[in-house]
């Protein structure tokens, strides 16, 4: 492949990526046209694990902002998420994170804990958006800001996609630190999810203070 062919291939790739990002921003454009200038997106990470907190993030991008590579965090490699984490924070008008620990999850259940984390993420924004998109979740206290739940929103809204990346990287980094305290559980590999390695370790070593007791009853 000569230089000209390489450049053409790169051009086509960039064009396709731009088209994908434009499609990912269709909800944002629709609500911008309705008069909402600043749109926020909320998503969470860690609803399903047996260990650690649930983390939510709210990201408010500038109007029309397209960040190359942004997608649902589950579709991205760890390396790509880490790179986008910093770029999203740099380019966002505002971003906020909410963290609810395992003890609170046990006390109020994971659904209410997720809603609480989402409320905290909104409360921690430096700039309040005019409207918020939330990945699937209803009944969230957004401090009076109007919002729309979007099913599979992390694949349909660029702000929610960005929030999914911020929430996922934040939580993974926390769990990686916890893994140093509890090396026998292999937390750095599964991030607290119920893999065989993790459940076998629970059966052998019992629960740490950071396990969700209500999630682990059948493994004790």
C-alpha atoms as a PDB file:
ATOM      1  CA  UNK A   1       0.000   0.000   0.000  1.00  0.00           C
ATOM      2  CA  UNK A   2       1.486   3.321  -1.073  1.00  0.00           C
ATOM      3  CA  UNK A   3       1.298   6.597   0.833  1.00  0.00           C
ATOM      4  CA  UNK A   4      -1.663   7.850  -1.185  1.00  0.00           C
ATOM      5  CA  UNK A   5      -3.652   4.696  -0.474  1.00  0.00           C
ATOM      6  CA  UNK A   6      -2.814   4.948   3.229  1.00  0.00           C
ATOM      7  CA  UNK A   7      -4.042   8.524   3.353  1.00  0.00           C
ATOM      8  CA  UNK A   8      -7.252   7.583   1.582  1.00  0.00           C
ATOM      9  CA  UNK A   9      -7.823   4.732   4.015  1.00  0.00           C
ATOM     10  CA  UNK A  10      -7.277   7.099   6.950  1.00  0.00           C
ATOM     11  CA  UNK A  11      -9.674   9.618   5.415  1.00  0.00           C
ATOM     12  CA  UNK A  12     -12.415   7.005   5.020  1.00  0.00           C
ATOM     13  CA  UNK A  13     -11.853   5.787   8.591  1.00  0.00           C
ATOM     14  CA  UNK A  14     -12.064   9.334   9.971  1.00  0.00           C
ATOM     15  CA  UNK A  15     -15.208  10.008   7.939  1.00  0.00           C
ATOM     16  CA  UNK A  16     -16.895   6.886   9.301  1.00  0.00           C
ATOM     17  CA  UNK A  17     -15.918   7.800  12.857  1.00  0.00           C
ATOM     18  CA  UNK A  18     -17.348  11.291  12.388  1.00  0.00           C
ATOM     19  CA  UNK A  19     -20.607   9.828  11.062  1.00  0.00           C
ATOM     20  CA  UNK A  20     -20.787   7.470  14.059  1.00  0.00           C
ATOM     21  CA  UNK A  21     -20.282  10.319  16.513  1.00  0.00           C
ATOM     22  CA  UNK A  22     -22.884  12.467  14.755  1.00  0.00           C
ATOM     23  CA  UNK A  23     -25.345   9.588  15.122  1.00  0.00           C
ATOM     24  CA  UNK A  24     -24.346   9.148  18.776  1.00  0.00           C
ATOM     25  CA  UNK A  25     -25.222  12.823  19.332  1.00  0.00           C
ATOM     26  CA  UNK A  26     -28.715  12.745  17.817  1.00  0.00           C
ATOM     27  CA  UNK A  27     -30.512  13.053  21.175  1.00  0.00           C
ATOM     28  CA  UNK A  28     -28.288  16.002  22.066  1.00  0.00           C
ATOM     29  CA  UNK A  29     -29.039  17.753  18.767  1.00  0.00           C
ATOM     30  CA  UNK A  30     -32.770  17.158  19.171  1.00  0.00           C
ATOM     31  CA  UNK A  31     -32.824  18.719  22.625  1.00  0.00           C
ATOM     32  CA  UNK A  32     -30.503  21.558  21.594  1.00  0.00           C
ATOM     33  CA  UNK A  33     -33.091  22.404  18.957  1.00  0.00           C
ATOM     34  CA  UNK A  34     -35.743  22.453  21.686  1.00  0.00           C
ATOM     35  CA  UNK A  35     -33.760  25.197  23.417  1.00  0.00           C
ATOM     36  CA  UNK A  36     -31.660  23.233  25.908  1.00  0.00           C
ATOM     37  CA  UNK A  37     -28.103  24.502  25.454  1.00  0.00           C
ATOM     38  CA  UNK A  38     -26.193  22.383  27.990  1.00  0.00           C
ATOM     39  CA  UNK A  39     -27.006  18.667  28.065  1.00  0.00           C
ATOM     40  CA  UNK A  40     -25.742  16.286  30.733  1.00  0.00           C
ATOM     41  CA  UNK A  41     -25.518  12.516  30.660  1.00  0.00           C
ATOM     42  CA  UNK A  42     -25.575  10.107  33.623  1.00  0.00           C
ATOM     43  CA  UNK A  43     -24.459   6.488  33.832  1.00  0.00           C
ATOM     44  CA  UNK A  44     -23.242   4.113  36.517  1.00  0.00           C
ATOM     45  CA  UNK A  45     -20.656   1.389  36.940  1.00  0.00           C
ATOM     46  CA  UNK A  46     -20.715  -1.438  39.447  1.00  0.00           C
ATOM     47  CA  UNK A  47     -24.362  -2.332  39.822  1.00  0.00           C
ATOM     48  CA  UNK A  48     -23.692  -6.062  39.571  1.00  0.00           C
ATOM     49  CA  UNK A  49     -20.447  -6.845  41.448  1.00  0.00           C
ATOM     50  CA  UNK A  50     -20.214  -8.640  44.772  1.00  0.00           C
ATOM     51  CA  UNK A  51     -17.597  -6.207  46.033  1.00  0.00           C
ATOM     52  CA  UNK A  52     -17.079  -2.482  46.416  1.00  0.00           C
ATOM     53  CA  UNK A  53     -19.076   0.636  45.632  1.00  0.00           C
ATOM     54  CA  UNK A  54     -21.448   1.614  42.879  1.00  0.00           C
ATOM     55  CA  UNK A  55     -20.184   4.693  41.052  1.00  0.00           C
ATOM     56  CA  UNK A  56     -22.165   7.132  38.919  1.00  0.00           C
ATOM     57  CA  UNK A  57     -20.944   9.991  36.766  1.00  0.00           C
ATOM     58  CA  UNK A  58     -22.593  12.968  35.131  1.00  0.00           C
ATOM     59  CA  UNK A  59     -20.842  14.588  32.166  1.00  0.00           C
ATOM     60  CA  UNK A  60     -21.819  17.845  30.458  1.00  0.00           C
ATOM     61  CA  UNK A  61     -20.141  18.317  27.081  1.00  0.00           C
ATOM     62  CA  UNK A  62     -20.093  21.618  25.201  1.00  0.00           C
ATOM     63  CA  UNK A  63     -22.788  21.896  22.536  1.00  0.00           C
ATOM     64  CA  UNK A  64     -21.715  20.013  19.415  1.00  0.00           C
ATOM     65  CA  UNK A  65     -18.648  18.437  21.030  1.00  0.00           C
ATOM     66  CA  UNK A  66     -17.547  15.186  19.385  1.00  0.00           C
ATOM     67  CA  UNK A  67     -14.723  13.229  21.027  1.00  0.00           C
ATOM     68  CA  UNK A  68     -13.118  10.636  18.779  1.00  0.00           C
ATOM     69  CA  UNK A  69     -13.430   7.097  20.108  1.00  0.00           C
ATOM     70  CA  UNK A  70     -16.166   7.749  22.679  1.00  0.00           C
ATOM     71  CA  UNK A  71     -18.557   4.831  22.962  1.00  0.00           C
ATOM     72  CA  UNK A  72     -20.324   2.707  25.544  1.00  0.00           C
ATOM     73  CA  UNK A  73     -17.530   1.920  28.033  1.00  0.00           C
ATOM     74  CA  UNK A  74     -18.269  -1.820  27.777  1.00  0.00           C
ATOM     75  CA  UNK A  75     -17.243  -1.722  24.102  1.00  0.00           C
ATOM     76  CA  UNK A  76     -13.863  -0.146  24.809  1.00  0.00           C
ATOM     77  CA  UNK A  77     -10.571  -1.617  25.978  1.00  0.00           C
ATOM     78  CA  UNK A  78      -9.193  -0.587  29.353  1.00  0.00           C
ATOM     79  CA  UNK A  79      -6.389   1.297  27.604  1.00  0.00           C
ATOM     80  CA  UNK A  80      -8.864   3.227  25.451  1.00  0.00           C
ATOM     81  CA  UNK A  81     -11.092   4.055  28.429  1.00  0.00           C
ATOM     82  CA  UNK A  82      -8.106   5.377  30.348  1.00  0.00           C
ATOM     83  CA  UNK A  83      -7.080   7.640  27.455  1.00  0.00           C
ATOM     84  CA  UNK A  84     -10.628   8.936  26.965  1.00  0.00           C
ATOM     85  CA  UNK A  85     -11.070   9.502  30.714  1.00  0.00           C
ATOM     86  CA  UNK A  86      -8.584  12.369  30.695  1.00  0.00           C
ATOM     87  CA  UNK A  87      -9.771  13.808  27.374  1.00  0.00           C
ATOM     88  CA  UNK A  88     -13.412  13.838  28.487  1.00  0.00           C
ATOM     89  CA  UNK A  89     -12.540  15.652  31.710  1.00  0.00           C
ATOM     90  CA  UNK A  90     -10.500  18.216  29.770  1.00  0.00           C
ATOM     91  CA  UNK A  91     -13.199  18.935  27.182  1.00  0.00           C
ATOM     92  CA  UNK A  92     -16.305  18.757  29.383  1.00  0.00           C
ATOM     93  CA  UNK A  93     -18.022  21.902  30.606  1.00  0.00           C
ATOM     94  CA  UNK A  94     -18.522  19.997  33.863  1.00  0.00           C
ATOM     95  CA  UNK A  95     -18.347  16.502  35.278  1.00  0.00           C
ATOM     96  CA  UNK A  96     -19.307  15.034  38.633  1.00  0.00           C
ATOM     97  CA  UNK A  97     -18.983  11.653  40.325  1.00  0.00           C
ATOM     98  CA  UNK A  98     -21.097   9.998  43.011  1.00  0.00           C
ATOM     99  CA  UNK A  99     -19.872   7.011  45.036  1.00  0.00           C
ATOM    100  CA  UNK A 100     -22.022   4.839  47.305  1.00  0.00           C
ATOM    101  CA  UNK A 101     -20.217   2.221  49.379  1.00  0.00           C
ATOM    102  CA  UNK A 102     -21.002  -1.451  49.910  1.00  0.00           C
ATOM    103  CA  UNK A 103     -22.474  -0.949  53.392  1.00  0.00           C
ATOM    104  CA  UNK A 104     -25.012   1.547  52.065  1.00  0.00           C
ATOM    105  CA  UNK A 105     -25.833  -0.829  49.205  1.00  0.00           C
ATOM    106  CA  UNK A 106     -26.605  -3.504  51.808  1.00  0.00           C
ATOM    107  CA  UNK A 107     -28.750  -1.070  53.798  1.00  0.00           C
ATOM    108  CA  UNK A 108     -30.873   0.484  51.044  1.00  0.00           C
ATOM    109  CA  UNK A 109     -30.476  -2.024  48.125  1.00  0.00           C
ATOM    110  CA  UNK A 110     -28.577  -1.587  44.877  1.00  0.00           C
ATOM    111  CA  UNK A 111     -31.359   0.228  43.007  1.00  0.00           C
ATOM    112  CA  UNK A 112     -31.659   2.952  45.638  1.00  0.00           C
ATOM    113  CA  UNK A 113     -27.881   3.090  45.998  1.00  0.00           C
ATOM    114  CA  UNK A 114     -27.551   3.627  42.233  1.00  0.00           C
ATOM    115  CA  UNK A 115     -30.092   6.447  42.351  1.00  0.00           C
ATOM    116  CA  UNK A 116     -28.234   7.964  45.297  1.00  0.00           C
ATOM    117  CA  UNK A 117     -24.920   7.827  43.412  1.00  0.00           C
ATOM    118  CA  UNK A 118     -26.561   9.487  40.397  1.00  0.00           C
ATOM    119  CA  UNK A 119     -27.972  12.249  42.612  1.00  0.00           C
ATOM    120  CA  UNK A 120     -24.520  12.823  44.110  1.00  0.00           C
ATOM    121  CA  UNK A 121     -22.953  12.972  40.646  1.00  0.00           C
ATOM    122  CA  UNK A 122     -25.366  15.759  39.642  1.00  0.00           C
ATOM    123  CA  UNK A 123     -24.823  17.560  42.948  1.00  0.00           C
ATOM    124  CA  UNK A 124     -21.056  17.517  42.361  1.00  0.00           C
ATOM    125  CA  UNK A 125     -21.228  19.272  38.979  1.00  0.00           C
ATOM    126  CA  UNK A 126     -19.435  22.604  38.822  1.00  0.00           C
ATOM    127  CA  UNK A 127     -21.908  23.830  36.160  1.00  0.00           C
ATOM    128  CA  UNK A 128     -25.547  22.741  36.053  1.00  0.00           C
ATOM    129  CA  UNK A 129     -26.949  21.556  32.706  1.00  0.00           C
ATOM    130  CA  UNK A 130     -30.320  22.577  31.272  1.00  0.00           C
ATOM    131  CA  UNK A 131     -31.334  18.967  30.669  1.00  0.00           C
ATOM    132  CA  UNK A 132     -30.034  15.494  31.541  1.00  0.00           C
ATOM    133  CA  UNK A 133     -30.151  12.128  29.798  1.00  0.00           C
ATOM    134  CA  UNK A 134     -29.941   9.103  32.113  1.00  0.00           C
ATOM    135  CA  UNK A 135     -29.087   5.560  31.083  1.00  0.00           C
ATOM    136  CA  UNK A 136     -32.385   3.730  31.642  1.00  0.00           C
ATOM    137  CA  UNK A 137     -32.898   4.771  35.271  1.00  0.00           C
ATOM    138  CA  UNK A 138     -36.091   6.538  36.368  1.00  0.00           C
ATOM    139  CA  UNK A 139     -36.908   8.324  39.626  1.00  0.00           C
ATOM    140  CA  UNK A 140     -33.543  10.038  40.069  1.00  0.00           C
ATOM    141  CA  UNK A 141     -33.272  13.220  42.117  1.00  0.00           C
ATOM    142  CA  UNK A 142     -31.565  15.584  39.666  1.00  0.00           C
ATOM    143  CA  UNK A 143     -31.984  18.679  41.835  1.00  0.00           C
ATOM    144  CA  UNK A 144     -34.887  19.870  39.747  1.00  0.00           C
ATOM    145  CA  UNK A 145     -33.151  19.564  36.368  1.00  0.00           C
ATOM    146  CA  UNK A 146     -35.496  17.945  33.794  1.00  0.00           C
ATOM    147  CA  UNK A 147     -34.312  14.578  32.525  1.00  0.00           C
ATOM    148  CA  UNK A 148     -35.063  11.745  30.118  1.00  0.00           C
ATOM    149  CA  UNK A 149     -34.353   8.061  30.818  1.00  0.00           C
ATOM    150  CA  UNK A 150     -32.970   6.412  27.664  1.00  0.00           C
ATOM    151  CA  UNK A 151     -32.875   2.616  27.398  1.00  0.00           C
ATOM    152  CA  UNK A 152     -29.331   1.558  26.385  1.00  0.00           C
ATOM    153  CA  UNK A 153     -28.463   5.238  26.545  1.00  0.00           C
ATOM    154  CA  UNK A 154     -24.737   4.542  26.818  1.00  0.00           C
ATOM    155  CA  UNK A 155     -24.877   3.508  23.140  1.00  0.00           C
ATOM    156  CA  UNK A 156     -27.298   6.259  22.048  1.00  0.00           C
ATOM    157  CA  UNK A 157     -26.132   9.480  23.728  1.00  0.00           C
ATOM    158  CA  UNK A 158     -22.598  10.879  23.625  1.00  0.00           C
ATOM    159  CA  UNK A 159     -22.979  12.472  27.066  1.00  0.00           C
ATOM    160  CA  UNK A 160     -24.128   9.179  28.586  1.00  0.00           C
ATOM    161  CA  UNK A 161     -21.274   7.366  26.804  1.00  0.00           C
ATOM    162  CA  UNK A 162     -18.820   9.813  28.348  1.00  0.00           C
ATOM    163  CA  UNK A 163     -20.422   9.330  31.763  1.00  0.00           C
ATOM    164  CA  UNK A 164     -20.125   5.555  31.401  1.00  0.00           C
ATOM    165  CA  UNK A 165     -16.378   5.933  30.783  1.00  0.00           C
ATOM    166  CA  UNK A 166     -15.839   8.287  33.734  1.00  0.00           C
ATOM    167  CA  UNK A 167     -17.833   6.014  36.069  1.00  0.00           C
ATOM    168  CA  UNK A 168     -16.148   2.820  34.886  1.00  0.00           C
ATOM    169  CA  UNK A 169     -12.573   4.131  35.091  1.00  0.00           C
ATOM    170  CA  UNK A 170     -13.217   5.744  38.492  1.00  0.00           C
ATOM    171  CA  UNK A 171     -14.570   2.507  39.925  1.00  0.00           C
ATOM    172  CA  UNK A 172     -11.911   0.290  38.337  1.00  0.00           C
ATOM    173  CA  UNK A 173      -9.159   2.454  39.796  1.00  0.00           C
ATOM    174  CA  UNK A 174     -10.734   2.193  43.243  1.00  0.00           C
ATOM    175  CA  UNK A 175     -10.990  -1.593  42.983  1.00  0.00           C
ATOM    176  CA  UNK A 176      -7.382  -1.841  41.783  1.00  0.00           C
ATOM    177  CA  UNK A 177      -6.309  -0.057  44.979  1.00  0.00           C
ATOM    178  CA  UNK A 178      -8.467  -2.383  47.088  1.00  0.00           C
ATOM    179  CA  UNK A 179      -6.830  -5.330  45.311  1.00  0.00           C
ATOM    180  CA  UNK A 180      -3.533  -4.375  46.968  1.00  0.00           C
ATOM    181  CA  UNK A 181      -5.197  -4.752  50.387  1.00  0.00           C
ATOM    182  CA  UNK A 182      -6.858  -8.067  49.521  1.00  0.00           C
ATOM    183  CA  UNK A 183      -4.560  -9.777  46.971  1.00  0.00           C
ATOM    184  CA  UNK A 184      -6.011 -13.260  47.497  1.00  0.00           C
ATOM    185  CA  UNK A 185      -9.302 -12.310  45.770  1.00  0.00           C
ATOM    186  CA  UNK A 186      -7.878 -11.347  42.350  1.00  0.00           C
ATOM    187  CA  UNK A 187      -9.898  -8.140  42.324  1.00  0.00           C
ATOM    188  CA  UNK A 188      -7.655  -6.452  39.760  1.00  0.00           C
ATOM    189  CA  UNK A 189      -8.776  -9.073  37.218  1.00  0.00           C
ATOM    190  CA  UNK A 190     -12.557  -9.226  37.700  1.00  0.00           C
ATOM    191  CA  UNK A 191     -13.203  -5.850  39.433  1.00  0.00           C
ATOM    192  CA  UNK A 192     -15.413  -7.508  42.035  1.00  0.00           C
ATOM    193  CA  UNK A 193     -17.793  -9.329  39.706  1.00  0.00           C
ATOM    194  CA  UNK A 194     -18.915 -12.844  40.526  1.00  0.00           C
ATOM    195  CA  UNK A 195     -16.415 -14.852  38.542  1.00  0.00           C
ATOM    196  CA  UNK A 196     -15.474 -18.365  39.594  1.00  0.00           C
ATOM    197  CA  UNK A 197     -12.100 -17.100  40.829  1.00  0.00           C
ATOM    198  CA  UNK A 198     -13.860 -14.554  43.016  1.00  0.00           C
ATOM    199  CA  UNK A 199     -16.553 -16.847  44.432  1.00  0.00           C
ATOM    200  CA  UNK A 200     -13.978 -19.574  45.124  1.00  0.00           C
ATOM    201  CA  UNK A 201     -11.894 -17.015  47.040  1.00  0.00           C
ATOM    202  CA  UNK A 202     -14.953 -15.977  49.078  1.00  0.00           C
ATOM    203  CA  UNK A 203     -15.589 -19.616  49.981  1.00  0.00           C
ATOM    204  CA  UNK A 204     -11.961 -20.054  51.011  1.00  0.00           C
ATOM    205  CA  UNK A 205     -11.223 -16.743  52.757  1.00  0.00           C
ATOM    206  CA  UNK A 206     -14.648 -15.353  53.659  1.00  0.00           C
ATOM    207  CA  UNK A 207     -15.816 -11.787  53.088  1.00  0.00           C
ATOM    208  CA  UNK A 208     -13.772  -8.619  53.347  1.00  0.00           C
ATOM    209  CA  UNK A 209     -15.268  -5.469  54.907  1.00  0.00           C
ATOM    210  CA  UNK A 210     -15.836  -4.231  51.339  1.00  0.00           C
ATOM    211  CA  UNK A 211     -17.986  -7.113  50.125  1.00  0.00           C
ATOM    212  CA  UNK A 212     -21.716  -6.613  49.664  1.00  0.00           C
ATOM    213  CA  UNK A 213     -23.140  -9.065  52.190  1.00  0.00           C
ATOM    214  CA  UNK A 214     -26.577  -9.101  50.573  1.00  0.00           C
ATOM    215  CA  UNK A 215     -24.958 -10.150  47.281  1.00  0.00           C
ATOM    216  CA  UNK A 216     -22.745 -12.877  48.780  1.00  0.00           C
ATOM    217  CA  UNK A 217     -25.071 -14.969  50.976  1.00  0.00           C
ATOM    218  CA  UNK A 218     -25.010 -18.028  48.732  1.00  0.00           C
ATOM    219  CA  UNK A 219     -21.198 -18.086  48.630  1.00  0.00           C
ATOM    220  CA  UNK A 220     -20.552 -17.977  52.379  1.00  0.00           C
END
